[in-house]
């Protein structure tokens, strides 16, 4: 009886550990909806950066090719004139779209 209870306890603990590992592995995939699109964020509205500051909300220039914002897909990024990799300068197409 003691051996059966011990085996059951070990099996339950193992199943719990496997379940937790699976949940932790799935989390990053859920957080990564969309694509990073460089050159489409107004100053202070970026999601992160490629170099000149620490991160979210710290951009100081509109539509900088060094800052990115998460968008739904690559097509939307291209439509706004953005790129999926950092680039030098400003995204003129996004500036024209936003400023009229």
N, C-alpha and C. Protein backbone atom coordinates (compact mmCIF):
# COMPACT_ATOMS: atom_id res chain seq x y z
N UNK A 1 0.83 -1.19 0.00
CA UNK A 1 0.00 0.00 0.00
C UNK A 1 0.87 1.25 0.00
N UNK A 2 1.93 1.25 0.80
CA UNK A 2 2.83 2.39 0.88
C UNK A 2 3.48 2.68 -0.47
N UNK A 3 3.90 1.64 -1.18
CA UNK A 3 4.55 1.79 -2.47
C UNK A 3 3.58 2.38 -3.50
N UNK A 4 2.34 1.96 -3.50
CA UNK A 4 1.35 2.46 -4.44
C UNK A 4 1.09 3.95 -4.21
N UNK A 5 0.95 4.37 -2.96
CA UNK A 5 0.73 5.77 -2.62
C UNK A 5 1.93 6.62 -3.04
N UNK A 6 3.14 6.10 -2.79
CA UNK A 6 4.36 6.81 -3.17
C UNK A 6 4.44 6.94 -4.69
N UNK A 7 4.12 5.89 -5.42
CA UNK A 7 4.14 5.92 -6.89
C UNK A 7 3.12 6.91 -7.42
N UNK A 8 1.95 6.95 -6.81
CA UNK A 8 0.90 7.88 -7.22
C UNK A 8 1.33 9.32 -6.99
N UNK A 9 1.97 9.58 -5.87
CA UNK A 9 2.45 10.92 -5.55
C UNK A 9 3.51 11.38 -6.54
N UNK A 10 4.44 10.50 -6.86
CA UNK A 10 5.50 10.82 -7.82
C UNK A 10 4.89 11.06 -9.20
N UNK A 11 3.95 10.24 -9.61
CA UNK A 11 3.32 10.39 -10.92
C UNK A 11 2.55 11.71 -11.01
N UNK A 12 1.86 12.07 -9.95
CA UNK A 12 1.11 13.33 -9.91
C UNK A 12 2.06 14.53 -9.99
N UNK A 13 3.15 14.48 -9.26
CA UNK A 13 4.12 15.56 -9.28
C UNK A 13 4.75 15.70 -10.67
N UNK A 14 5.06 14.58 -11.28
CA UNK A 14 5.66 14.60 -12.61
C UNK A 14 4.68 15.18 -13.64
N UNK A 15 3.43 14.78 -13.56
CA UNK A 15 2.42 15.29 -14.49
C UNK A 15 2.25 16.81 -14.31
N UNK A 16 2.29 17.28 -13.09
CA UNK A 16 2.18 18.71 -12.83
C UNK A 16 3.37 19.48 -13.40
N UNK A 17 4.56 18.93 -13.25
CA UNK A 17 5.76 19.58 -13.77
C UNK A 17 5.73 19.65 -15.30
N UNK A 18 5.29 18.58 -15.94
CA UNK A 18 5.20 18.56 -17.40
C UNK A 18 4.16 19.58 -17.87
N UNK A 19 3.05 19.66 -17.18
CA UNK A 19 2.01 20.62 -17.53
C UNK A 19 2.49 22.05 -17.39
N UNK A 20 3.22 22.35 -16.34
CA UNK A 20 3.75 23.70 -16.14
C UNK A 20 4.77 24.04 -17.23
N UNK A 21 5.61 23.11 -17.58
CA UNK A 21 6.62 23.35 -18.63
C UNK A 21 5.94 23.64 -19.95
N UNK A 22 4.90 22.92 -20.27
CA UNK A 22 4.17 23.14 -21.52
C UNK A 22 3.53 24.53 -21.54
N UNK A 23 2.98 24.95 -20.43
CA UNK A 23 2.34 26.27 -20.34
C UNK A 23 3.37 27.39 -20.49
N UNK A 24 4.53 27.22 -19.89
CA UNK A 24 5.58 28.24 -19.99
C UNK A 24 6.14 28.32 -21.40
N UNK A 25 6.23 27.21 -22.07
CA UNK A 25 6.75 27.20 -23.43
C UNK A 25 5.78 27.88 -24.38
N UNK A 26 4.50 27.75 -24.18
CA UNK A 26 3.50 28.33 -25.08
C UNK A 26 3.37 29.84 -24.91
N UNK A 27 3.71 30.38 -23.75
CA UNK A 27 3.51 31.80 -23.48
C UNK A 27 4.20 32.73 -24.47
N UNK A 28 5.48 32.54 -24.82
CA UNK A 28 6.10 33.47 -25.76
C UNK A 28 5.42 33.49 -27.12
N UNK A 29 4.91 32.38 -27.57
CA UNK A 29 4.24 32.35 -28.87
C UNK A 29 2.99 33.21 -28.84
N UNK A 30 2.26 33.21 -27.74
CA UNK A 30 1.06 34.01 -27.64
C UNK A 30 1.39 35.50 -27.60
N UNK A 31 2.52 35.86 -26.99
CA UNK A 31 2.90 37.26 -26.87
C UNK A 31 3.43 37.82 -28.18
N UNK A 32 3.77 36.98 -29.11
CA UNK A 32 4.41 37.42 -30.34
C UNK A 32 3.43 37.59 -31.50
N UNK A 33 2.19 37.94 -31.23
CA UNK A 33 1.24 38.19 -32.31
C UNK A 33 1.69 39.41 -33.11
N UNK A 34 1.78 39.27 -34.41
CA UNK A 34 2.19 40.36 -35.26
C UNK A 34 3.66 40.32 -35.60
N UNK A 35 4.14 41.41 -36.21
CA UNK A 35 5.54 41.53 -36.60
C UNK A 35 6.07 42.90 -36.17
N UNK A 36 7.38 42.96 -35.93
CA UNK A 36 8.03 44.23 -35.63
C UNK A 36 8.13 45.00 -36.93
N UNK A 37 7.66 46.24 -36.92
CA UNK A 37 7.69 47.07 -38.11
C UNK A 37 8.44 48.36 -37.78
N UNK A 38 9.63 48.51 -38.37
CA UNK A 38 10.47 49.68 -38.11
C UNK A 38 10.02 50.85 -38.97
N UNK A 39 10.03 52.04 -38.39
CA UNK A 39 9.75 53.26 -39.13
C UNK A 39 8.29 53.68 -39.17
N UNK A 40 7.44 53.11 -38.33
CA UNK A 40 6.02 53.46 -38.39
C UNK A 40 5.49 54.10 -37.10
N UNK A 41 6.36 54.29 -36.12
CA UNK A 41 5.91 54.84 -34.83
C UNK A 41 6.20 56.33 -34.73
N UNK A 42 5.24 57.06 -34.19
CA UNK A 42 5.48 58.47 -33.88
C UNK A 42 6.34 58.52 -32.62
N UNK A 43 6.97 59.66 -32.38
CA UNK A 43 7.81 59.84 -31.19
C UNK A 43 7.02 59.49 -29.94
N UNK A 44 7.62 58.67 -29.09
CA UNK A 44 7.00 58.27 -27.84
C UNK A 44 5.96 57.17 -27.96
N UNK A 45 5.69 56.69 -29.17
CA UNK A 45 4.69 55.64 -29.36
C UNK A 45 5.28 54.33 -29.86
N UNK A 46 6.60 54.20 -29.78
CA UNK A 46 7.26 52.97 -30.23
C UNK A 46 7.08 51.84 -29.22
N UNK A 47 7.16 50.61 -29.71
CA UNK A 47 7.10 49.45 -28.81
C UNK A 47 8.49 49.10 -28.31
N UNK A 48 9.52 49.36 -29.11
CA UNK A 48 10.89 49.17 -28.64
C UNK A 48 11.85 49.80 -29.63
N UNK A 49 13.15 49.53 -29.46
CA UNK A 49 14.15 50.24 -30.25
C UNK A 49 15.26 49.35 -30.74
N UNK A 50 16.02 49.88 -31.68
CA UNK A 50 17.16 49.15 -32.21
C UNK A 50 18.48 49.74 -31.75
N UNK A 51 18.47 50.84 -31.03
CA UNK A 51 19.78 51.32 -30.65
C UNK A 51 19.91 52.58 -29.83
N UNK A 52 19.19 53.64 -30.10
CA UNK A 52 19.49 54.92 -29.49
C UNK A 52 18.82 55.21 -28.15
N UNK A 53 18.07 54.27 -27.59
CA UNK A 53 17.46 54.44 -26.27
C UNK A 53 17.06 53.08 -25.72
N UNK A 54 16.52 53.06 -24.52
CA UNK A 54 16.29 51.79 -23.85
C UNK A 54 15.07 51.01 -24.32
N UNK A 55 13.95 51.63 -24.59
CA UNK A 55 12.82 50.82 -25.07
C UNK A 55 11.52 51.57 -25.23
N UNK A 56 10.42 50.91 -24.90
CA UNK A 56 9.06 51.36 -25.18
C UNK A 56 8.79 52.81 -24.77
N UNK A 57 8.27 53.57 -25.73
CA UNK A 57 7.87 54.93 -25.46
C UNK A 57 9.00 55.94 -25.38
N UNK A 58 10.24 55.53 -25.68
CA UNK A 58 11.37 56.43 -25.53
C UNK A 58 11.85 57.06 -26.83
N UNK A 59 11.21 56.77 -27.94
CA UNK A 59 11.67 57.37 -29.20
C UNK A 59 11.44 58.87 -29.17
N UNK A 60 12.35 59.60 -29.79
CA UNK A 60 12.25 61.06 -29.81
C UNK A 60 11.97 61.61 -31.20
N UNK A 61 11.94 60.73 -32.21
CA UNK A 61 11.70 61.16 -33.58
C UNK A 61 10.54 60.38 -34.19
N UNK A 62 9.71 61.06 -34.95
CA UNK A 62 8.62 60.39 -35.65
C UNK A 62 9.17 59.50 -36.76
N UNK A 63 8.63 58.30 -36.89
CA UNK A 63 8.87 57.37 -37.99
C UNK A 63 10.34 57.03 -38.21
N UNK A 64 11.10 56.98 -37.13
CA UNK A 64 12.52 56.64 -37.21
C UNK A 64 12.70 55.17 -37.63
N UNK A 65 13.63 54.93 -38.50
CA UNK A 65 13.94 53.57 -38.93
C UNK A 65 14.63 52.77 -37.85
N UNK A 66 14.97 53.39 -36.74
CA UNK A 66 15.61 52.69 -35.62
C UNK A 66 14.61 52.20 -34.58
N UNK A 67 13.36 52.61 -34.68
CA UNK A 67 12.34 52.24 -33.70
C UNK A 67 11.24 51.42 -34.36
N UNK A 68 10.68 50.48 -33.60
CA UNK A 68 9.64 49.64 -34.17
C UNK A 68 8.37 49.66 -33.35
N UNK A 69 7.30 49.28 -34.03
CA UNK A 69 5.98 49.14 -33.42
C UNK A 69 5.42 47.81 -33.93
N UNK A 70 4.74 47.08 -33.10
CA UNK A 70 4.15 45.80 -33.50
C UNK A 70 2.93 46.06 -34.37
N UNK A 71 2.87 45.42 -35.53
CA UNK A 71 1.72 45.51 -36.43
C UNK A 71 1.23 44.10 -36.73
N UNK A 72 0.03 43.99 -37.30
CA UNK A 72 -0.60 42.67 -37.45
C UNK A 72 0.14 41.70 -38.36
N UNK A 73 0.74 42.19 -39.45
CA UNK A 73 1.45 41.27 -40.35
C UNK A 73 2.40 42.04 -41.25
N UNK A 74 3.21 41.31 -42.01
CA UNK A 74 4.21 41.91 -42.89
C UNK A 74 3.56 42.79 -43.96
N UNK A 75 2.40 42.39 -44.45
CA UNK A 75 1.71 43.18 -45.46
C UNK A 75 1.33 44.55 -44.95
N UNK A 76 0.84 44.63 -43.74
CA UNK A 76 0.47 45.92 -43.13
C UNK A 76 1.71 46.79 -42.95
N UNK A 77 2.81 46.18 -42.55
CA UNK A 77 4.06 46.91 -42.37
C UNK A 77 4.50 47.53 -43.70
N UNK A 78 4.49 46.74 -44.74
CA UNK A 78 4.88 47.23 -46.07
C UNK A 78 3.94 48.33 -46.56
N UNK A 79 2.65 48.15 -46.31
CA UNK A 79 1.64 49.13 -46.72
C UNK A 79 1.92 50.51 -46.11
N UNK A 80 2.43 50.51 -44.88
CA UNK A 80 2.74 51.76 -44.18
C UNK A 80 4.14 52.27 -44.52
N UNK A 81 4.86 51.55 -45.37
CA UNK A 81 6.20 51.97 -45.76
C UNK A 81 7.28 51.55 -44.78
N UNK A 82 6.91 50.71 -43.81
CA UNK A 82 7.88 50.25 -42.82
C UNK A 82 8.69 49.07 -43.34
N UNK A 83 9.65 48.66 -42.53
CA UNK A 83 10.51 47.52 -42.85
C UNK A 83 10.60 46.63 -41.63
N UNK A 84 10.90 45.36 -41.84
CA UNK A 84 11.00 44.42 -40.74
C UNK A 84 12.40 44.36 -40.15
N UNK A 85 13.27 45.24 -40.57
CA UNK A 85 14.61 45.37 -40.01
C UNK A 85 14.90 46.86 -39.84
N UNK A 86 15.73 47.19 -38.86
CA UNK A 86 16.08 48.59 -38.62
C UNK A 86 16.77 49.17 -39.85
N UNK A 87 16.55 50.47 -40.07
CA UNK A 87 17.19 51.15 -41.19
C UNK A 87 17.54 52.57 -40.78
N UNK A 88 18.43 53.19 -41.52
CA UNK A 88 18.83 54.57 -41.25
C UNK A 88 17.78 55.53 -41.79
N UNK A 89 17.59 56.62 -41.10
CA UNK A 89 16.70 57.67 -41.58
C UNK A 89 15.26 57.52 -41.13
N UNK A 90 14.39 58.16 -41.89
CA UNK A 90 12.97 58.24 -41.55
C UNK A 90 12.12 57.60 -42.64
N UNK A 91 11.01 57.04 -42.24
CA UNK A 91 10.04 56.48 -43.18
C UNK A 91 9.18 57.63 -43.72
N UNK A 92 9.50 58.09 -44.91
CA UNK A 92 8.79 59.23 -45.50
C UNK A 92 7.33 58.89 -45.82
N UNK A 93 7.05 57.64 -46.22
CA UNK A 93 5.68 57.25 -46.56
C UNK A 93 4.77 57.35 -45.33
N UNK A 94 5.22 56.87 -44.19
CA UNK A 94 4.41 56.95 -42.96
C UNK A 94 4.19 58.40 -42.57
N UNK A 95 5.22 59.21 -42.72
CA UNK A 95 5.10 60.63 -42.38
C UNK A 95 4.02 61.29 -43.26
N UNK A 96 4.05 60.99 -44.56
CA UNK A 96 3.07 61.57 -45.47
C UNK A 96 1.65 61.07 -45.17
N UNK A 97 1.53 59.78 -44.81
CA UNK A 97 0.21 59.21 -44.49
C UNK A 97 -0.37 59.88 -43.25
N UNK A 98 0.44 60.10 -42.25
CA UNK A 98 -0.04 60.64 -40.97
C UNK A 98 -0.24 62.16 -41.03
N UNK A 99 0.64 62.84 -41.73
CA UNK A 99 0.58 64.30 -41.76
C UNK A 99 -0.29 64.86 -42.88
N UNK A 100 -0.71 63.97 -43.77
CA UNK A 100 -1.60 64.39 -44.84
C UNK A 100 -0.84 64.88 -45.98
